[in-house]
């Protein structure tokens, strides 16, 4: 089964939607436990996938329901892709006294340079790192993230694995056939840089914008974010 707060438009939710559909198409029984059943990626989930509404916006309040689900269903594995959900599910498995395997996907750096943490945030990270050692597998998405996670956690190397973000090739092929109407693409010889990501500080689009300005001093280039 998969556990997530919701299916709103983030990278973690997109990955879960891809994996849920792929496993279902391979004839696995798949449950998707959501804090709230909402989000743009819900429409991508195959309709026959069993979605369980935990009915809470604060996942900590879903702990009793997750424990009950684990005891009743005894899934072979649980997959999470959010730090705090990974911590919560790890506790739930311990309290359930079952042998379900936990797979934690940590898709971001623990300590990105641009982000400042409060003491409570640091405590949550330390708790996550401690609980992650009880998982079956910890998945990170780059070499740098692997080195960072290994440095700060007590997870053995045999439990850690680098797996790059999955993509839905068929969906990309379908979208590639759509007509692009933006004025930047009217001139076929234009140099265009496309950046994709949420407009939050850790994505550091400010540095990209400054870099594009410097490039523009020598080569005309346009930026689409």
Protein backbone atom coordinates (compact mmCIF):
# COMPACT_ATOMS: atom_id res chain seq x y z
CA UNK A 1 0.00 0.00 0.00
CA UNK A 2 0.94 3.65 -0.36
CA UNK A 3 0.41 6.39 2.23
CA UNK A 4 0.33 10.12 1.48
CA UNK A 5 -1.34 13.25 2.89
CA UNK A 6 -3.18 13.92 -0.40
CA UNK A 7 -2.60 13.95 -4.16
CA UNK A 8 -1.98 17.66 -4.59
CA UNK A 9 0.47 18.73 -7.27
CA UNK A 10 3.91 17.90 -5.90
CA UNK A 11 6.73 15.65 -7.05
CA UNK A 12 6.13 13.07 -4.30
CA UNK A 13 2.46 12.77 -5.24
CA UNK A 14 3.29 12.45 -8.94
CA UNK A 15 5.71 9.58 -8.22
CA UNK A 16 3.10 7.82 -6.07
CA UNK A 17 0.49 8.13 -8.83
CA UNK A 18 2.89 6.58 -11.36
CA UNK A 19 3.89 3.69 -9.07
CA UNK A 20 0.32 2.96 -7.97
CA UNK A 21 -0.85 2.66 -11.56
CA UNK A 22 2.15 0.62 -12.64
CA UNK A 23 1.73 -1.93 -9.85
CA UNK A 24 -2.01 -2.15 -10.43
CA UNK A 25 -1.43 -2.80 -14.13
CA UNK A 26 0.91 -5.63 -13.12
CA UNK A 27 -1.96 -7.25 -11.19
CA UNK A 28 -0.86 -6.32 -7.68
CA UNK A 29 -3.47 -5.48 -5.08
CA UNK A 30 -2.87 -1.81 -4.35
CA UNK A 31 -4.34 0.35 -1.60
CA UNK A 32 -3.78 4.11 -1.47
CA UNK A 33 -4.26 5.66 1.97
CA UNK A 34 -4.75 9.44 1.83
CA UNK A 35 -5.13 11.97 4.62
CA UNK A 36 -7.64 13.77 2.41
CA UNK A 37 -8.88 12.52 -0.95
CA UNK A 38 -8.05 15.59 -2.98
CA UNK A 39 -5.52 16.84 -5.50
CA UNK A 40 -4.82 17.20 -9.19
CA UNK A 41 -3.14 13.78 -9.43
CA UNK A 42 -6.28 11.94 -8.34
CA UNK A 43 -7.55 12.03 -11.93
CA UNK A 44 -4.45 10.08 -13.00
CA UNK A 45 -5.12 7.19 -10.62
CA UNK A 46 -6.77 4.17 -12.24
CA UNK A 47 -10.39 4.13 -11.12
CA UNK A 48 -10.25 0.56 -9.75
CA UNK A 49 -7.44 1.34 -7.31
CA UNK A 50 -8.73 1.13 -3.73
CA UNK A 51 -8.44 4.62 -2.18
CA UNK A 52 -8.92 4.83 1.57
CA UNK A 53 -9.83 8.22 3.06
CA UNK A 54 -8.15 8.80 6.44
CA UNK A 55 -10.19 12.00 6.69
CA UNK A 56 -7.61 14.28 8.30
CA UNK A 57 -5.39 17.15 7.23
CA UNK A 58 -2.90 16.38 10.00
CA UNK A 59 -1.47 12.93 9.39
CA UNK A 60 -0.56 12.44 13.05
CA UNK A 61 -4.30 12.13 13.78
CA UNK A 62 -4.49 9.28 11.26
CA UNK A 63 -2.17 7.06 13.33
CA UNK A 64 -4.98 4.96 14.89
CA UNK A 65 -6.59 4.39 11.48
CA UNK A 66 -3.26 3.42 9.92
CA UNK A 67 -2.59 0.96 12.76
CA UNK A 68 -6.06 -0.54 12.32
CA UNK A 69 -5.52 -0.86 8.58
CA UNK A 70 -2.14 -2.56 9.06
CA UNK A 71 -3.54 -5.07 11.58
CA UNK A 72 -6.53 -5.93 9.39
CA UNK A 73 -4.93 -5.97 5.94
CA UNK A 74 -1.32 -6.94 6.76
CA UNK A 75 0.11 -5.50 3.52
CA UNK A 76 3.38 -6.90 2.22
CA UNK A 77 4.88 -3.43 2.10
CA UNK A 78 4.07 0.22 2.75
CA UNK A 79 5.57 2.94 0.57
CA UNK A 80 5.91 6.58 1.65
CA UNK A 81 7.42 9.57 -0.08
CA UNK A 82 7.07 12.26 2.59
CA UNK A 83 9.47 12.56 5.51
CA UNK A 84 6.89 12.98 8.27
CA UNK A 85 4.66 10.26 6.80
CA UNK A 86 7.64 7.89 6.79
CA UNK A 87 8.17 8.57 10.48
CA UNK A 88 4.48 8.09 11.26
CA UNK A 89 4.14 4.83 9.33
CA UNK A 90 7.32 3.46 10.92
CA UNK A 91 5.74 4.03 14.35
CA UNK A 92 2.47 2.50 13.14
CA UNK A 93 4.19 -0.69 11.97
CA UNK A 94 6.01 -1.00 15.30
CA UNK A 95 2.79 -0.52 17.25
CA UNK A 96 0.89 -2.93 15.00
CA UNK A 97 3.31 -5.76 15.79
CA UNK A 98 3.22 -7.00 12.20
CA UNK A 99 5.96 -7.82 9.69
CA UNK A 100 4.98 -5.36 6.98
CA UNK A 101 8.03 -3.94 5.20
CA UNK A 102 8.42 -0.18 4.99
CA UNK A 103 9.94 1.49 1.94
CA UNK A 104 10.85 5.13 2.51
CA UNK A 105 11.51 7.40 -0.45
CA UNK A 106 13.31 10.59 0.55
CA UNK A 107 13.05 12.83 -2.55
CA UNK A 108 14.77 15.97 -1.25
CA UNK A 109 17.94 16.98 0.54
CA UNK A 110 17.67 16.85 4.31
CA UNK A 111 19.58 20.09 4.78
CA UNK A 112 19.43 22.23 1.61
CA UNK A 113 21.72 25.25 1.71
CA UNK A 114 18.97 27.82 1.21
CA UNK A 115 16.66 26.54 3.94
CA UNK A 116 16.75 27.61 7.59
CA UNK A 117 15.33 25.23 10.17
CA UNK A 118 13.70 25.87 13.52
CA UNK A 119 14.50 23.61 16.47
CA UNK A 120 11.23 21.71 16.04
CA UNK A 121 12.03 21.04 12.38
CA UNK A 122 15.47 19.71 13.33
CA UNK A 123 13.88 17.45 15.93
CA UNK A 124 11.49 16.04 13.31
CA UNK A 125 14.40 15.32 10.96
CA UNK A 126 16.36 13.56 13.72
CA UNK A 127 13.30 11.45 14.58
CA UNK A 128 12.83 10.58 10.91
CA UNK A 129 16.47 9.55 10.58
CA UNK A 130 16.23 7.37 13.68
CA UNK A 131 13.01 5.66 12.59
CA UNK A 132 14.27 5.14 9.05
CA UNK A 133 16.74 2.53 10.27
CA UNK A 134 13.76 0.22 10.87
CA UNK A 135 12.72 0.40 7.22
CA UNK A 136 13.30 -2.32 4.65
CA UNK A 137 14.67 0.14 2.12
CA UNK A 138 15.48 3.85 1.88
CA UNK A 139 15.32 5.28 -1.62
CA UNK A 140 17.01 8.53 -2.58
CA UNK A 141 17.18 10.12 -6.00
CA UNK A 142 20.79 11.23 -6.43
CA UNK A 143 24.36 10.44 -5.41
CA UNK A 144 24.56 13.60 -3.33
CA UNK A 145 21.40 12.71 -1.44
CA UNK A 146 22.77 9.23 -0.81
CA UNK A 147 25.96 10.65 0.72
CA UNK A 148 24.01 13.13 2.85
CA UNK A 149 21.53 10.56 4.15
CA UNK A 150 24.32 8.11 4.92
CA UNK A 151 26.21 10.83 6.81
CA UNK A 152 23.35 11.80 9.13
CA UNK A 153 21.52 8.48 9.57
CA UNK A 154 22.39 5.07 10.95
CA UNK A 155 20.87 3.28 7.97
CA UNK A 156 23.20 0.64 6.57
CA UNK A 157 24.39 0.89 2.98
CA UNK A 158 22.65 -2.39 2.16
CA UNK A 159 19.30 -0.75 2.91
CA UNK A 160 19.91 2.34 0.81
CA UNK A 161 19.40 2.61 -2.92
CA UNK A 162 19.50 5.36 -5.53
CA UNK A 163 16.50 5.26 -7.87
CA UNK A 164 15.91 8.21 -10.14
CA UNK A 165 12.44 9.69 -10.47
CA UNK A 166 10.10 7.58 -12.60
CA UNK A 167 8.38 9.14 -15.60
CA UNK A 168 5.30 8.18 -17.56
CA UNK A 169 6.69 7.97 -21.10
CA UNK A 170 3.29 7.53 -22.73
CA UNK A 171 1.93 10.66 -21.08
CA UNK A 172 4.97 12.66 -22.19
CA UNK A 173 4.57 11.40 -25.76
CA UNK A 174 0.90 12.42 -25.73
CA UNK A 175 1.70 15.88 -24.43
CA UNK A 176 4.46 16.32 -27.00
CA UNK A 177 1.79 16.23 -29.69
CA UNK A 178 -0.05 19.21 -28.24
CA UNK A 179 0.35 22.52 -30.02
CA UNK A 180 2.46 25.14 -28.24
CA UNK A 181 0.98 28.60 -28.61
CA UNK A 182 3.31 30.72 -26.46
CA UNK A 183 4.76 33.67 -28.34
CA UNK A 184 8.32 32.69 -27.39
CA UNK A 185 8.07 29.72 -29.75
CA UNK A 186 6.98 31.70 -32.81
CA UNK A 187 10.62 32.32 -33.71
CA UNK A 188 12.15 28.88 -34.33
CA UNK A 189 15.69 30.21 -33.85
CA UNK A 190 15.06 31.56 -30.35
CA UNK A 191 17.13 30.23 -27.44
CA UNK A 192 14.65 29.18 -24.77
CA UNK A 193 15.31 27.82 -21.28
CA UNK A 194 12.43 26.00 -19.58
CA UNK A 195 12.49 25.48 -15.80
CA UNK A 196 9.86 23.38 -14.01
CA UNK A 197 9.20 23.45 -10.29
CA UNK A 198 7.18 25.01 -7.50
CA UNK A 199 7.87 28.68 -6.77
CA UNK A 200 9.37 28.10 -3.33
CA UNK A 201 12.66 29.26 -1.85
CA UNK A 202 14.41 25.88 -1.89
CA UNK A 203 14.02 25.71 -5.70
CA UNK A 204 16.18 28.86 -5.89
CA UNK A 205 14.74 30.32 -9.09
CA UNK A 206 16.34 33.64 -8.11
CA UNK A 207 19.77 32.26 -8.98
CA UNK A 208 18.45 30.96 -12.30
CA UNK A 209 16.97 34.35 -13.17
CA UNK A 210 20.26 36.10 -12.34
CA UNK A 211 22.16 33.54 -14.43
CA UNK A 212 19.87 34.06 -17.42
CA UNK A 213 20.44 37.80 -17.15
CA UNK A 214 24.22 37.24 -17.32
CA UNK A 215 23.83 34.91 -20.29
CA UNK A 216 21.72 37.52 -22.05
CA UNK A 217 24.71 39.87 -22.09
CA UNK A 218 26.34 37.54 -24.65
CA UNK A 219 23.58 35.32 -26.05
CA UNK A 220 19.90 36.29 -26.41
CA UNK A 221 17.89 33.81 -24.37
CA UNK A 222 14.35 33.61 -23.01
CA UNK A 223 13.25 31.93 -19.80
CA UNK A 224 9.98 30.14 -19.09
CA UNK A 225 9.32 29.02 -15.51
